[in-house]
Structure formats: structure tokens, C-alpha cells
PDB file of N, CA and C in Angstrom:
ATOM      1  N   UNK A   1       0.691  -1.092   0.144  1.00  0.00           N
ATOM      2  CA  UNK A   1      -0.013  -0.063   0.017  1.00  0.00           C
ATOM      3  C   UNK A   1       0.874   1.080  -0.228  1.00  0.00           C
ATOM      4  N   UNK A   2       0.566   2.073  -0.946  1.00  0.00           N
ATOM      5  CA  UNK A   2       1.190   3.460  -1.189  1.00  0.00           C
ATOM      6  C   UNK A   2       0.999   4.202   0.456  1.00  0.00           C
ATOM      7  N   UNK A   3       1.873   4.925   0.639  1.00  0.00           N
ATOM      8  CA  UNK A   3       1.511   6.291   1.775  1.00  0.00           C
ATOM      9  C   UNK A   3       0.343   7.096   1.593  1.00  0.00           C
ATOM     10  N   UNK A   4       0.116   7.092   0.462  1.00  0.00           N
ATOM     11  CA  UNK A   4      -1.161   8.202  -0.103  1.00  0.00           C
ATOM     12  C   UNK A   4      -2.247   7.594   0.414  1.00  0.00           C
ATOM     13  N   UNK A   5      -2.376   6.230  -0.058  1.00  0.00           N
ATOM     14  CA  UNK A   5      -3.369   5.492   0.026  1.00  0.00           C
ATOM     15  C   UNK A   5      -3.629   5.147   1.511  1.00  0.00           C
ATOM     16  N   UNK A   6      -2.385   4.862   2.343  1.00  0.00           N
ATOM     17  CA  UNK A   6      -2.625   4.639   3.779  1.00  0.00           C
ATOM     18  C   UNK A   6      -3.192   5.861   4.286  1.00  0.00           C
ATOM     19  N   UNK A   7      -2.884   7.023   4.080  1.00  0.00           N
ATOM     20  CA  UNK A   7      -3.165   8.346   4.650  1.00  0.00           C
ATOM     21  C   UNK A   7      -4.778   8.384   4.146  1.00  0.00           C
ATOM     22  N   UNK A   8      -5.030   8.314   3.168  1.00  0.00           N
ATOM     23  CA  UNK A   8      -6.403   8.479   2.779  1.00  0.00           C
ATOM     24  C   UNK A   8      -7.425   7.470   3.621  1.00  0.00           C
ATOM     25  N   UNK A   9      -6.856   6.171   3.746  1.00  0.00           N
ATOM     26  CA  UNK A   9      -7.576   5.450   4.347  1.00  0.00           C
ATOM     27  C   UNK A   9      -7.759   5.709   5.801  1.00  0.00           C
ATOM     28  N   UNK A  10      -6.762   6.206   6.503  1.00  0.00           N
ATOM     29  CA  UNK A  10      -6.751   6.313   7.873  1.00  0.00           C
ATOM     30  C   UNK A  10      -7.621   7.644   8.108  1.00  0.00           C
ATOM     31  N   UNK A  11      -7.676   8.561   7.056  1.00  0.00           N
ATOM     32  CA  UNK A  11      -8.340   9.855   7.416  1.00  0.00           C
ATOM     33  C   UNK A  11      -9.881   9.443   7.205  1.00  0.00           C
ATOM     34  N   UNK A  12     -10.348   8.360   6.427  1.00  0.00           N
ATOM     35  CA  UNK A  12     -11.617   8.324   5.958  1.00  0.00           C
ATOM     36  C   UNK A  12     -12.158   7.498   7.326  1.00  0.00           C
ATOM     37  N   UNK A  13     -11.144   6.679   8.086  1.00  0.00           N
ATOM     38  CA  UNK A  13     -11.628   5.922   9.238  1.00  0.00           C
ATOM     39  C   UNK A  13     -11.591   7.034  10.294  1.00  0.00           C
ATOM     40  N   UNK A  14     -10.822   8.069  10.394  1.00  0.00           N
ATOM     41  CA  UNK A  14     -10.994   8.821  11.441  1.00  0.00           C
ATOM     42  C   UNK A  14     -12.269   9.804  11.273  1.00  0.00           C
ATOM     43  N   UNK A  15     -12.491  10.063  10.027  1.00  0.00           N
ATOM     44  CA  UNK A  15     -13.637  11.015   9.661  1.00  0.00           C
ATOM     45  C   UNK A  15     -15.185  10.227  10.164  1.00  0.00           C
ATOM     46  N   UNK A  16     -15.132   8.962   9.664  1.00  0.00           N
ATOM     47  CA  UNK A  16     -16.365   8.104  10.343  1.00  0.00           C
ATOM     48  C   UNK A  16     -16.424   7.907  11.711  1.00  0.00           C
ATOM     49  N   UNK A  17     -15.446   7.919  12.375  1.00  0.00           N
ATOM     50  CA  UNK A  17     -15.237   7.742  13.753  1.00  0.00           C
ATOM     51  C   UNK A  17     -15.934   8.927  14.472  1.00  0.00           C
ATOM     52  N   UNK A  18     -15.238  10.167  13.967  1.00  0.00           N
ATOM     53  CA  UNK A  18     -15.935  11.513  14.705  1.00  0.00           C
ATOM     54  C   UNK A  18     -17.280  11.778  14.301  1.00  0.00           C
ATOM     55  N   UNK A  19     -17.533  11.387  12.938  1.00  0.00           N
ATOM     56  CA  UNK A  19     -19.242  11.452  12.731  1.00  0.00           C
ATOM     57  C   UNK A  19     -20.022  10.737  13.610  1.00  0.00           C
ATOM     58  N   UNK A  20     -19.627   9.533  13.799  1.00  0.00           N
ATOM     59  CA  UNK A  20     -20.459   8.619  14.747  1.00  0.00           C
ATOM     60  C   UNK A  20     -20.410   9.209  16.107  1.00  0.00           C
ATOM     61  N   UNK A  21     -19.213   9.920  16.643  1.00  0.00           N
ATOM     62  CA  UNK A  21     -19.043  10.514  17.901  1.00  0.00           C
ATOM     63  C   UNK A  21     -19.953  11.437  18.218  1.00  0.00           C
ATOM     64  N   UNK A  22     -19.922  12.215  17.297  1.00  0.00           N
ATOM     65  CA  UNK A  22     -20.790  13.436  17.176  1.00  0.00           C
ATOM     66  C   UNK A  22     -22.161  12.979  17.183  1.00  0.00           C
ATOM     67  N   UNK A  23     -22.522  12.189  16.205  1.00  0.00           N
ATOM     68  CA  UNK A  23     -24.292  11.591  16.637  1.00  0.00           C
ATOM     69  C   UNK A  23     -24.470  11.035  17.906  1.00  0.00           C
ATOM     70  N   UNK A  24     -23.596  10.268  18.610  1.00  0.00           N
ATOM     71  CA  UNK A  24     -23.927  10.044  19.932  1.00  0.00           C
ATOM     72  C   UNK A  24     -23.957  11.036  20.743  1.00  0.00           C
ATOM     73  N   UNK A  25     -22.895  11.857  20.740  1.00  0.00           N
ATOM     74  CA  UNK A  25     -23.122  13.068  21.670  1.00  0.00           C
ATOM     75  C   UNK A  25     -24.217  13.914  21.596  1.00  0.00           C
ATOM     76  N   UNK A  26     -24.773  14.151  20.380  1.00  0.00           N
ATOM     77  CA  UNK A  26     -25.935  15.086  20.304  1.00  0.00           C
ATOM     78  C   UNK A  26     -27.196  14.434  20.724  1.00  0.00           C
ATOM     79  N   UNK A  27     -27.079  12.880  20.392  1.00  0.00           N
ATOM     80  CA  UNK A  27     -28.189  11.922  20.911  1.00  0.00           C
ATOM     81  C   UNK A  27     -28.124  12.157  22.725  1.00  0.00           C
ATOM     82  N   UNK A  28     -26.756  12.095  23.328  1.00  0.00           N
ATOM     83  CA  UNK A  28     -26.841  12.235  24.733  1.00  0.00           C
ATOM     84  C   UNK A  28     -27.585  13.621  25.037  1.00  0.00           C
ATOM     85  N   UNK A  29     -27.073  14.626  24.416  1.00  0.00           N
ATOM     86  CA  UNK A  29     -27.384  16.079  24.701  1.00  0.00           C
ATOM     87  C   UNK A  29     -29.034  16.206  24.561  1.00  0.00           C
ATOM     88  N   UNK A  30     -29.623  15.392  23.753  1.00  0.00           N
ATOM     89  CA  UNK A  30     -31.101  15.673  23.422  1.00  0.00           C
ATOM     90  C   UNK A  30     -31.572  15.009  24.820  1.00  0.00           C
ATOM     91  N   UNK A  31     -31.301  13.676  24.997  1.00  0.00           N
ATOM     92  CA  UNK A  31     -31.583  12.896  26.085  1.00  0.00           C
ATOM     93  C   UNK A  31     -31.663  13.952  27.352  1.00  0.00           C
ATOM     94  N   UNK A  32     -30.509  14.373  27.547  1.00  0.00           N
ATOM     95  CA  UNK A  32     -30.596  15.228  28.894  1.00  0.00           C
ATOM     96  C   UNK A  32     -31.480  16.523  28.896  1.00  0.00           C
ATOM     97  N   UNK A  33     -31.528  16.918  27.475  1.00  0.00           N
ATOM     98  CA  UNK A  33     -32.494  18.076  27.571  1.00  0.00           C
ATOM     99  C   UNK A  33     -33.887  17.745  27.744  1.00  0.00           C
ATOM    100  N   UNK A  34     -34.340  16.493  27.383  1.00  0.00           N
ATOM    101  CA  UNK A  34     -35.903  15.854  27.404  1.00  0.00           C
ATOM    102  C   UNK A  34     -35.993  15.688  29.027  1.00  0.00           C
ATOM    103  N   UNK A  35     -34.937  15.238  29.567  1.00  0.00           N
ATOM    104  CA  UNK A  35     -34.734  14.965  31.117  1.00  0.00           C
ATOM    105  C   UNK A  35     -35.096  16.275  31.972  1.00  0.00           C
ATOM    106  N   UNK A  36     -34.208  17.140  31.441  1.00  0.00           N
ATOM    107  CA  UNK A  36     -34.433  18.561  32.018  1.00  0.00           C
ATOM    108  C   UNK A  36     -35.742  19.025  31.939  1.00  0.00           C
ATOM    109  N   UNK A  37     -36.426  18.995  30.766  1.00  0.00           N
ATOM    110  CA  UNK A  37     -37.794  19.431  30.560  1.00  0.00           C
ATOM    111  C   UNK A  37     -38.724  18.859  31.351  1.00  0.00           C
ATOM    112  N   UNK A  38     -38.768  17.403  31.491  1.00  0.00           N
ATOM    113  CA  UNK A  38     -39.361  16.653  32.357  1.00  0.00           C
ATOM    114  C   UNK A  38     -39.424  17.169  33.880  1.00  0.00           C
ATOM    115  N   UNK A  39     -38.078  17.546  34.330  1.00  0.00           N
ATOM    116  CA  UNK A  39     -37.949  17.655  35.602  1.00  0.00           C
ATOM    117  C   UNK A  39     -38.683  19.134  35.884  1.00  0.00           C
ATOM    118  N   UNK A  40     -38.478  19.978  34.852  1.00  0.00           N
ATOM    119  CA  UNK A  40     -39.044  21.304  34.837  1.00  0.00           C
ATOM    120  C   UNK A  40     -40.506  21.384  35.016  1.00  0.00           C
ATOM    121  N   UNK A  41     -41.310  20.378  34.138  1.00  0.00           N
ATOM    122  CA  UNK A  41     -42.576  20.271  34.280  1.00  0.00           C
ATOM    123  C   UNK A  41     -43.043  19.454  35.677  1.00  0.00           C
ATOM    124  N   UNK A  42     -42.069  18.603  36.004  1.00  0.00           N
ATOM    125  CA  UNK A  42     -42.514  17.770  37.514  1.00  0.00           C
ATOM    126  C   UNK A  42     -42.788  19.030  38.524  1.00  0.00           C
ATOM    127  N   UNK A  43     -41.468  20.013  38.540  1.00  0.00           N
ATOM    128  CA  UNK A  43     -41.463  20.873  39.439  1.00  0.00           C
ATOM    129  C   UNK A  43     -42.660  21.831  39.231  1.00  0.00           C
ATOM    130  N   UNK A  44     -42.908  22.130  38.383  1.00  0.00           N
ATOM    131  CA  UNK A  44     -43.958  23.301  38.206  1.00  0.00           C
ATOM    132  C   UNK A  44     -45.403  22.789  38.553  1.00  0.00           C
ATOM    133  N   UNK A  45     -45.613  21.446  38.363  1.00  0.00           N
ATOM    134  CA  UNK A  45     -46.914  20.786  38.902  1.00  0.00           C
ATOM    135  C   UNK A  45     -46.804  20.623  40.499  1.00  0.00           C
ATOM    136  N   UNK A  46     -45.441  20.261  40.711  1.00  0.00           N
ATOM    137  CA  UNK A  46     -45.257  20.054  42.213  1.00  0.00           C
ATOM    138  C   UNK A  46     -45.578  21.579  42.792  1.00  0.00           C
ATOM    139  N   UNK A  47     -45.276  22.399  42.542  1.00  0.00           N
ATOM    140  CA  UNK A  47     -45.285  23.725  43.255  1.00  0.00           C
ATOM    141  C   UNK A  47     -46.584  24.337  43.088  1.00  0.00           C
ATOM    142  N   UNK A  48     -47.438  23.723  41.925  1.00  0.00           N
ATOM    143  CA  UNK A  48     -48.678  24.141  41.936  1.00  0.00           C
ATOM    144  C   UNK A  48     -49.680  23.369  43.004  1.00  0.00           C
ATOM    145  N   UNK A  49     -49.272  22.050  43.127  1.00  0.00           N
ATOM    146  CA  UNK A  49     -49.913  21.344  44.248  1.00  0.00           C
ATOM    147  C   UNK A  49     -49.762  21.914  45.650  1.00  0.00           C
ATOM    148  N   UNK A  50     -48.320  22.397  46.008  1.00  0.00           N
ATOM    149  CA  UNK A  50     -47.893  22.835  47.170  1.00  0.00           C
ATOM    150  C   UNK A  50     -48.693  24.057  47.536  1.00  0.00           C
ATOM    151  N   UNK A  51     -49.023  25.014  46.199  1.00  0.00           N
ATOM    152  CA  UNK A  51     -49.599  26.076  46.590  1.00  0.00           C
ATOM    153  C   UNK A  51     -51.270  25.669  47.212  1.00  0.00           C
ATOM    154  N   UNK A  52     -51.568  24.719  46.482  1.00  0.00           N
ATOM    155  CA  UNK A  52     -53.260  24.427  46.761  1.00  0.00           C
ATOM    156  C   UNK A  52     -53.103  23.659  48.087  1.00  0.00           C
ATOM    157  N   UNK A  53     -52.009  22.947  48.667  1.00  0.00           N
ATOM    158  CA  UNK A  53     -51.792  22.446  49.859  1.00  0.00           C
ATOM    159  C   UNK A  53     -51.985  23.757  51.043  1.00  0.00           C
ATOM    160  N   UNK A  54     -51.187  24.814  50.593  1.00  0.00           N
ATOM    161  CA  UNK A  54     -50.757  25.900  51.376  1.00  0.00           C
ATOM    162  C   UNK A  54     -52.150  26.657  51.650  1.00  0.00           C
ATOM    163  N   UNK A  55     -52.800  26.884  50.389  1.00  0.00           N
ATOM    164  CA  UNK A  55     -54.298  27.521  50.605  1.00  0.00           C
ATOM    165  C   UNK A  55     -55.300  26.978  51.250  1.00  0.00           C
ATOM    166  N   UNK A  56     -55.452  25.666  51.086  1.00  0.00           N
ATOM    167  CA  UNK A  56     -56.423  24.841  52.037  1.00  0.00           C
ATOM    168  C   UNK A  56     -56.036  25.001  53.422  1.00  0.00           C
ATOM    169  N   UNK A  57     -54.690  24.808  53.748  1.00  0.00           N
ATOM    170  CA  UNK A  57     -54.531  24.880  55.088  1.00  0.00           C
ATOM    171  C   UNK A  57     -54.584  26.181  55.807  1.00  0.00           C
ATOM    172  N   UNK A  58     -54.382  27.356  54.932  1.00  0.00           N
ATOM    173  CA  UNK A  58     -54.796  28.641  55.541  1.00  0.00           C
ATOM    174  C   UNK A  58     -56.331  28.750  55.587  1.00  0.00           C
ATOM    175  N   UNK A  59     -57.221  28.351  54.712  1.00  0.00           N
ATOM    176  CA  UNK A  59     -58.496  28.367  54.757  1.00  0.00           C
ATOM    177  C   UNK A  59     -59.119  27.465  56.145  1.00  0.00           C
ATOM    178  N   UNK A  60     -58.418  26.361  56.287  1.00  0.00           N
ATOM    179  CA  UNK A  60     -58.863  25.617  57.562  1.00  0.00           C
ATOM    180  C   UNK A  60     -58.481  26.372  58.940  1.00  0.00           C
ATOM    181  N   UNK A  61     -57.377  26.997  58.865  1.00  0.00           N
ATOM    182  CA  UNK A  61     -57.154  27.812  60.197  1.00  0.00           C
ATOM    183  C   UNK A  61     -58.010  29.278  60.257  1.00  0.00           C
ATOM    184  N   UNK A  62     -58.588  29.680  59.271  1.00  0.00           N
ATOM    185  CA  UNK A  62     -59.394  30.786  59.139  1.00  0.00           C
ATOM    186  C   UNK A  62     -60.704  30.313  59.316  1.00  0.00           C
TER     187      UNK A  62
END
């Protein structure tokens, strides 16, 4: 194999490796974003429930 061919082959191999790595990284980022959004939604609903409990407790004392 000529050095040019070897170099080209190595470059192609590296290129494919980095493209798959980038895809995996993007998938991980998307997954973490989805989890964060879900956590925010849970937090919002949780805070609404807490407000409701606090309001009902205030009403009971009055």
C-alpha cells in the first residue's frame, strides 16, 4: 500500500469515527434536554400542588 493510500484510508476511518461520535454526543445532549424539561414540568406541577395545600391549610385555620 502506498503512503498516500494509507493516509487516505486513515483519514476516512477517522472521519467516520468522529461523525459517529458526534451523533452519539448529540443524542446524549437531546436525552439530557428531554430529562431537564420533564424535571421542570414535574417541578411546576409540584409547586402548584404545594400552593393548593398551603391555600387549603390557610382556609382551614381561618
